[in-house]
Amino acid sequence: MDRLVHYLKRINQGVAVVAGLALLAGVLLICAEIVLRACKVPFTGSDEISGYLMAAISSWGLSYGLLTKAHVRIDILRNQAPKALRAVFDLLAIMSLSYVAIFVATKVETVVAKTGLAHSLANTALATPLIIPQSIWFAGWVWLAISSSILSIYGIYLVCTKQFTKLDDVIGTESEV
């Protein structure tokens, strides 16, 4: 299971690099639009594309945040608790995140399915087929659901085998003090 978590981290590092490059491309597109408008050259679409980028980057970035322990958790009670209770708090947190990710992914899937059936296009100059950005957004939520579910299953195993220190390393919080 440690190898699986290691692979998840490596995959998410790659996803973070791709997301960063996409964000950079979005910034360059916006800069190009600003320069071209100043030169009186008509150019549109950067606002639409950057919106799609933000949705995609945010849904995919959640998994990276999960595996690098970048998510914010209020851990005042957790840090004062004994190891076994901290493990329960950590397990409850990851299972709650997994539930929310699965719930959101199922709702997003409904939106994507309706968009696909209707062959919906953006009501913009680009007339983007909405199935494209929505599918990327959906895939990010599915990836978060998969990542958090794997960590939940591993967390249950670690609690059942009383490997509380290992659980803290895998799904616990990083101390900011």
C-alpha atoms as a PDB file:
ATOM      1  CA  MET A   1       0.000   0.000   0.000  1.00  0.00           C
ATOM      2  CA  ASP A   2       2.947   2.320   0.646  1.00  0.00           C
ATOM      3  CA  ARG A   3       3.965   1.895  -2.988  1.00  0.00           C
ATOM      4  CA  LEU A   4       0.466   2.856  -4.118  1.00  0.00           C
ATOM      5  CA  VAL A   5       0.578   6.040  -2.020  1.00  0.00           C
ATOM      6  CA  HIS A   6       4.046   6.747  -3.451  1.00  0.00           C
ATOM      7  CA  TYR A   7       2.669   6.355  -6.999  1.00  0.00           C
ATOM      8  CA  LEU A   8      -0.278   8.617  -6.165  1.00  0.00           C
ATOM      9  CA  LYS A   9       2.145  11.285  -4.980  1.00  0.00           C
ATOM     10  CA  ARG A  10       4.257  10.977  -8.134  1.00  0.00           C
ATOM     11  CA  ILE A  11       1.212  11.138 -10.404  1.00  0.00           C
ATOM     12  CA  ASN A  12      -0.057  14.186  -8.540  1.00  0.00           C
ATOM     13  CA  GLN A  13       3.328  15.885  -8.871  1.00  0.00           C
ATOM     14  CA  GLY A  14       3.015  15.419 -12.632  1.00  0.00           C
ATOM     15  CA  VAL A  15      -0.537  16.745 -12.529  1.00  0.00           C
ATOM     16  CA  ALA A  16       0.692  19.786 -10.597  1.00  0.00           C
ATOM     17  CA  VAL A  17       3.337  20.481 -13.246  1.00  0.00           C
ATOM     18  CA  VAL A  18       0.760  20.205 -16.046  1.00  0.00           C
ATOM     19  CA  ALA A  19      -1.633  22.448 -14.101  1.00  0.00           C
ATOM     20  CA  GLY A  20       1.127  24.993 -13.547  1.00  0.00           C
ATOM     21  CA  LEU A  21       1.996  25.009 -17.241  1.00  0.00           C
ATOM     22  CA  ALA A  22      -1.688  25.396 -18.137  1.00  0.00           C
ATOM     23  CA  LEU A  23      -1.948  28.313 -15.723  1.00  0.00           C
ATOM     24  CA  LEU A  24       1.140  29.896 -17.259  1.00  0.00           C
ATOM     25  CA  ALA A  25      -0.359  29.443 -20.736  1.00  0.00           C
ATOM     26  CA  GLY A  26      -3.552  31.121 -19.512  1.00  0.00           C
ATOM     27  CA  VAL A  27      -1.587  34.069 -18.150  1.00  0.00           C
ATOM     28  CA  LEU A  28       0.321  34.397 -21.435  1.00  0.00           C
ATOM     29  CA  LEU A  29      -2.965  34.301 -23.346  1.00  0.00           C
ATOM     30  CA  ILE A  30      -4.377  37.105 -21.191  1.00  0.00           C
ATOM     31  CA  CYS A  31      -1.171  39.134 -21.659  1.00  0.00           C
ATOM     32  CA  ALA A  32      -1.373  38.595 -25.419  1.00  0.00           C
ATOM     33  CA  GLU A  33      -4.956  39.827 -25.427  1.00  0.00           C
ATOM     34  CA  ILE A  34      -3.976  42.952 -23.486  1.00  0.00           C
ATOM     35  CA  VAL A  35      -1.098  43.742 -25.841  1.00  0.00           C
ATOM     36  CA  LEU A  36      -3.145  43.059 -28.974  1.00  0.00           C
ATOM     37  CA  ARG A  37      -6.022  45.209 -27.745  1.00  0.00           C
ATOM     38  CA  ALA A  38      -3.560  48.037 -27.063  1.00  0.00           C
ATOM     39  CA  CYS A  39      -2.397  47.649 -30.679  1.00  0.00           C
ATOM     40  CA  LYS A  40      -6.039  47.839 -31.826  1.00  0.00           C
ATOM     41  CA  VAL A  41      -6.016  44.185 -32.938  1.00  0.00           C
ATOM     42  CA  PRO A  42      -9.291  42.425 -32.077  1.00  0.00           C
ATOM     43  CA  PHE A  43      -8.754  39.392 -29.853  1.00  0.00           C
ATOM     44  CA  THR A  44     -11.256  37.665 -27.598  1.00  0.00           C
ATOM     45  CA  GLY A  45     -11.620  34.455 -25.682  1.00  0.00           C
ATOM     46  CA  SER A  46      -8.962  34.663 -23.007  1.00  0.00           C
ATOM     47  CA  ASP A  47     -11.577  35.262 -20.311  1.00  0.00           C
ATOM     48  CA  GLU A  48     -13.520  32.172 -21.370  1.00  0.00           C
ATOM     49  CA  ILE A  49     -10.457  29.958 -21.659  1.00  0.00           C
ATOM     50  CA  SER A  50      -9.032  31.173 -18.341  1.00  0.00           C
ATOM     51  CA  GLY A  51     -12.338  30.321 -16.657  1.00  0.00           C
ATOM     52  CA  TYR A  52     -12.144  26.783 -18.002  1.00  0.00           C
ATOM     53  CA  LEU A  53      -8.525  26.574 -16.878  1.00  0.00           C
ATOM     54  CA  MET A  54      -9.385  27.675 -13.348  1.00  0.00           C
ATOM     55  CA  ALA A  55     -12.120  25.038 -13.048  1.00  0.00           C
ATOM     56  CA  ALA A  56      -9.811  22.307 -14.322  1.00  0.00           C
ATOM     57  CA  ILE A  57      -6.827  23.378 -12.238  1.00  0.00           C
ATOM     58  CA  SER A  58      -8.879  23.638  -9.061  1.00  0.00           C
ATOM     59  CA  SER A  59     -10.477  20.198  -9.389  1.00  0.00           C
ATOM     60  CA  TRP A  60      -7.179  18.497 -10.271  1.00  0.00           C
ATOM     61  CA  GLY A  61      -5.215  20.527  -7.716  1.00  0.00           C
ATOM     62  CA  LEU A  62      -7.280  19.240  -4.818  1.00  0.00           C
ATOM     63  CA  SER A  63      -5.637  15.806  -5.103  1.00  0.00           C
ATOM     64  CA  TYR A  64      -2.188  17.351  -5.130  1.00  0.00           C
ATOM     65  CA  GLY A  65      -3.105  19.330  -2.024  1.00  0.00           C
ATOM     66  CA  LEU A  66      -4.395  16.178  -0.357  1.00  0.00           C
ATOM     67  CA  LEU A  67      -1.239  14.163  -0.929  1.00  0.00           C
ATOM     68  CA  THR A  68       1.119  16.994   0.019  1.00  0.00           C
ATOM     69  CA  LYS A  69      -0.912  17.772   3.164  1.00  0.00           C
ATOM     70  CA  ALA A  70      -1.639  21.286   1.955  1.00  0.00           C
ATOM     71  CA  HIS A  71      -5.308  21.271   2.952  1.00  0.00           C
ATOM     72  CA  VAL A  72      -6.277  23.413   5.896  1.00  0.00           C
ATOM     73  CA  ARG A  73      -7.502  21.537   8.935  1.00  0.00           C
ATOM     74  CA  ILE A  74      -8.351  22.966  12.317  1.00  0.00           C
ATOM     75  CA  ASP A  75      -6.317  20.720  14.555  1.00  0.00           C
ATOM     76  CA  ILE A  76      -6.421  22.357  17.983  1.00  0.00           C
ATOM     77  CA  LEU A  77      -8.160  19.361  19.573  1.00  0.00           C
ATOM     78  CA  ARG A  78      -6.277  16.840  17.458  1.00  0.00           C
ATOM     79  CA  ASN A  79      -2.842  17.951  18.613  1.00  0.00           C
ATOM     80  CA  GLN A  80      -3.833  17.664  22.283  1.00  0.00           C
ATOM     81  CA  ALA A  81      -5.272  14.154  21.889  1.00  0.00           C
ATOM     82  CA  PRO A  82      -3.473  10.838  22.423  1.00  0.00           C
ATOM     83  CA  LYS A  83      -2.168   9.025  19.311  1.00  0.00           C
ATOM     84  CA  ALA A  84      -5.141   6.674  19.011  1.00  0.00           C
ATOM     85  CA  LEU A  85      -7.660   9.525  19.115  1.00  0.00           C
ATOM     86  CA  ARG A  86      -5.569  11.575  16.661  1.00  0.00           C
ATOM     87  CA  ALA A  87      -5.698   8.580  14.337  1.00  0.00           C
ATOM     88  CA  VAL A  88      -9.491   8.508  14.618  1.00  0.00           C
ATOM     89  CA  PHE A  89      -9.665  12.241  13.833  1.00  0.00           C
ATOM     90  CA  ASP A  90      -7.386  11.768  10.813  1.00  0.00           C
ATOM     91  CA  LEU A  91      -9.398   8.804   9.580  1.00  0.00           C
ATOM     92  CA  LEU A  92     -12.658  10.708  10.031  1.00  0.00           C
ATOM     93  CA  ALA A  93     -11.200  13.657   8.097  1.00  0.00           C
ATOM     94  CA  ILE A  94     -10.002  11.578   5.132  1.00  0.00           C
ATOM     95  CA  MET A  95     -13.215   9.553   5.000  1.00  0.00           C
ATOM     96  CA  SER A  96     -15.268  12.758   5.061  1.00  0.00           C
ATOM     97  CA  LEU A  97     -13.196  14.183   2.227  1.00  0.00           C
ATOM     98  CA  SER A  98     -13.605  10.956   0.284  1.00  0.00           C
ATOM     99  CA  TYR A  99     -17.377  11.074   0.765  1.00  0.00           C
ATOM    100  CA  VAL A 100     -17.568  14.695  -0.394  1.00  0.00           C
ATOM    101  CA  ALA A 101     -15.343  13.998  -3.417  1.00  0.00           C
ATOM    102  CA  ILE A 102     -17.493  11.035  -4.469  1.00  0.00           C
ATOM    103  CA  PHE A 103     -20.681  13.050  -3.923  1.00  0.00           C
ATOM    104  CA  VAL A 104     -19.430  16.004  -5.982  1.00  0.00           C
ATOM    105  CA  ALA A 105     -18.090  13.707  -8.726  1.00  0.00           C
ATOM    106  CA  THR A 106     -21.502  12.041  -9.085  1.00  0.00           C
ATOM    107  CA  LYS A 107     -23.215  15.432  -9.332  1.00  0.00           C
ATOM    108  CA  VAL A 108     -20.667  16.697 -11.860  1.00  0.00           C
ATOM    109  CA  GLU A 109     -21.147  13.500 -13.879  1.00  0.00           C
ATOM    110  CA  THR A 110     -24.846  14.358 -14.191  1.00  0.00           C
ATOM    111  CA  VAL A 111     -23.973  17.820 -15.506  1.00  0.00           C
ATOM    112  CA  VAL A 112     -21.471  16.400 -18.011  1.00  0.00           C
ATOM    113  CA  ALA A 113     -23.945  13.753 -19.190  1.00  0.00           C
ATOM    114  CA  LYS A 114     -26.674  16.351 -19.794  1.00  0.00           C
ATOM    115  CA  THR A 115     -24.196  18.580 -21.607  1.00  0.00           C
ATOM    116  CA  GLY A 116     -23.153  15.694 -23.833  1.00  0.00           C
ATOM    117  CA  LEU A 117     -26.720  14.714 -24.660  1.00  0.00           C
ATOM    118  CA  ALA A 118     -27.650  18.292 -25.504  1.00  0.00           C
ATOM    119  CA  HIS A 119     -24.425  18.946 -27.450  1.00  0.00           C
ATOM    120  CA  SER A 120     -24.241  22.228 -25.536  1.00  0.00           C
ATOM    121  CA  LEU A 121     -22.003  25.029 -26.724  1.00  0.00           C
ATOM    122  CA  ALA A 122     -20.811  28.038 -24.753  1.00  0.00           C
ATOM    123  CA  ASN A 123     -22.854  31.140 -25.514  1.00  0.00           C
ATOM    124  CA  THR A 124     -19.691  33.024 -26.475  1.00  0.00           C
ATOM    125  CA  ALA A 125     -17.742  33.980 -29.584  1.00  0.00           C
ATOM    126  CA  LEU A 126     -15.704  30.774 -29.296  1.00  0.00           C
ATOM    127  CA  ALA A 127     -18.824  28.569 -29.041  1.00  0.00           C
ATOM    128  CA  THR A 128     -16.782  26.004 -27.132  1.00  0.00           C
ATOM    129  CA  PRO A 129     -18.357  22.537 -26.898  1.00  0.00           C
ATOM    130  CA  LEU A 130     -18.926  22.469 -23.139  1.00  0.00           C
ATOM    131  CA  ILE A 131     -18.330  18.732 -22.963  1.00  0.00           C
ATOM    132  CA  ILE A 132     -14.572  19.415 -23.302  1.00  0.00           C
ATOM    133  CA  PRO A 133     -13.933  21.672 -20.280  1.00  0.00           C
ATOM    134  CA  GLN A 134     -16.584  19.916 -18.204  1.00  0.00           C
ATOM    135  CA  SER A 135     -15.015  16.508 -18.853  1.00  0.00           C
ATOM    136  CA  ILE A 136     -11.621  17.766 -17.697  1.00  0.00           C
ATOM    137  CA  TRP A 137     -13.267  19.282 -14.608  1.00  0.00           C
ATOM    138  CA  PHE A 138     -15.131  16.019 -13.957  1.00  0.00           C
ATOM    139  CA  ALA A 139     -11.955  13.944 -14.332  1.00  0.00           C
ATOM    140  CA  GLY A 140     -10.303  16.068 -11.634  1.00  0.00           C
ATOM    141  CA  TRP A 141     -13.129  15.328  -9.206  1.00  0.00           C
ATOM    142  CA  VAL A 142     -12.981  11.628 -10.050  1.00  0.00           C
ATOM    143  CA  TRP A 143      -9.234  11.661  -9.442  1.00  0.00           C
ATOM    144  CA  LEU A 144      -9.785  13.298  -6.035  1.00  0.00           C
ATOM    145  CA  ALA A 145     -12.413  10.654  -5.216  1.00  0.00           C
ATOM    146  CA  ILE A 146      -9.998   7.867  -6.188  1.00  0.00           C
ATOM    147  CA  SER A 147      -7.050   9.378  -4.308  1.00  0.00           C
ATOM    148  CA  SER A 148      -9.009  10.082  -1.139  1.00  0.00           C
ATOM    149  CA  SER A 149     -10.704   6.662  -1.233  1.00  0.00           C
ATOM    150  CA  ILE A 150      -7.340   4.903  -1.488  1.00  0.00           C
ATOM    151  CA  LEU A 151      -6.072   6.924   1.472  1.00  0.00           C
ATOM    152  CA  SER A 152      -9.284   6.133   3.392  1.00  0.00           C
ATOM    153  CA  ILE A 153      -8.886   2.395   2.837  1.00  0.00           C
ATOM    154  CA  TYR A 154      -5.227   2.573   3.824  1.00  0.00           C
ATOM    155  CA  GLY A 155      -6.172   4.637   6.879  1.00  0.00           C
ATOM    156  CA  ILE A 156      -8.716   2.037   7.986  1.00  0.00           C
ATOM    157  CA  TYR A 157      -6.050  -0.658   7.647  1.00  0.00           C
ATOM    158  CA  LEU A 158      -3.538   1.372   9.660  1.00  0.00           C
ATOM    159  CA  VAL A 159      -6.050   2.064  12.445  1.00  0.00           C
ATOM    160  CA  CYS A 160      -7.089  -1.611  12.603  1.00  0.00           C
ATOM    161  CA  THR A 161      -3.435  -2.664  12.867  1.00  0.00           C
ATOM    162  CA  LYS A 162      -2.735   0.134  15.378  1.00  0.00           C
ATOM    163  CA  GLN A 163      -0.026   1.735  13.216  1.00  0.00           C
ATOM    164  CA  PHE A 164      -0.831   5.226  14.441  1.00  0.00           C
ATOM    165  CA  THR A 165       2.564   6.771  13.692  1.00  0.00           C
ATOM    166  CA  LYS A 166       2.419   5.477  10.119  1.00  0.00           C
ATOM    167  CA  LEU A 167      -1.132   6.813   9.768  1.00  0.00           C
ATOM    168  CA  ASP A 168       0.045  10.206  10.976  1.00  0.00           C
ATOM    169  CA  ASP A 169       2.790  10.159   8.331  1.00  0.00           C
ATOM    170  CA  VAL A 170       0.360   9.246   5.538  1.00  0.00           C
ATOM    171  CA  ILE A 171      -2.819  11.222   6.299  1.00  0.00           C
ATOM    172  CA  GLY A 172      -2.059  13.275   9.403  1.00  0.00           C
ATOM    173  CA  THR A 173      -1.392  16.986   9.438  1.00  0.00           C
ATOM    174  CA  GLU A 174       1.885  18.836   9.255  1.00  0.00           C
ATOM    175  CA  SER A 175       2.611  20.922  12.315  1.00  0.00           C
ATOM    176  CA  GLU A 176       2.810  24.634  11.585  1.00  0.00           C
ATOM    177  CA  VAL A 177       4.155  25.536  15.002  1.00  0.00           C
END
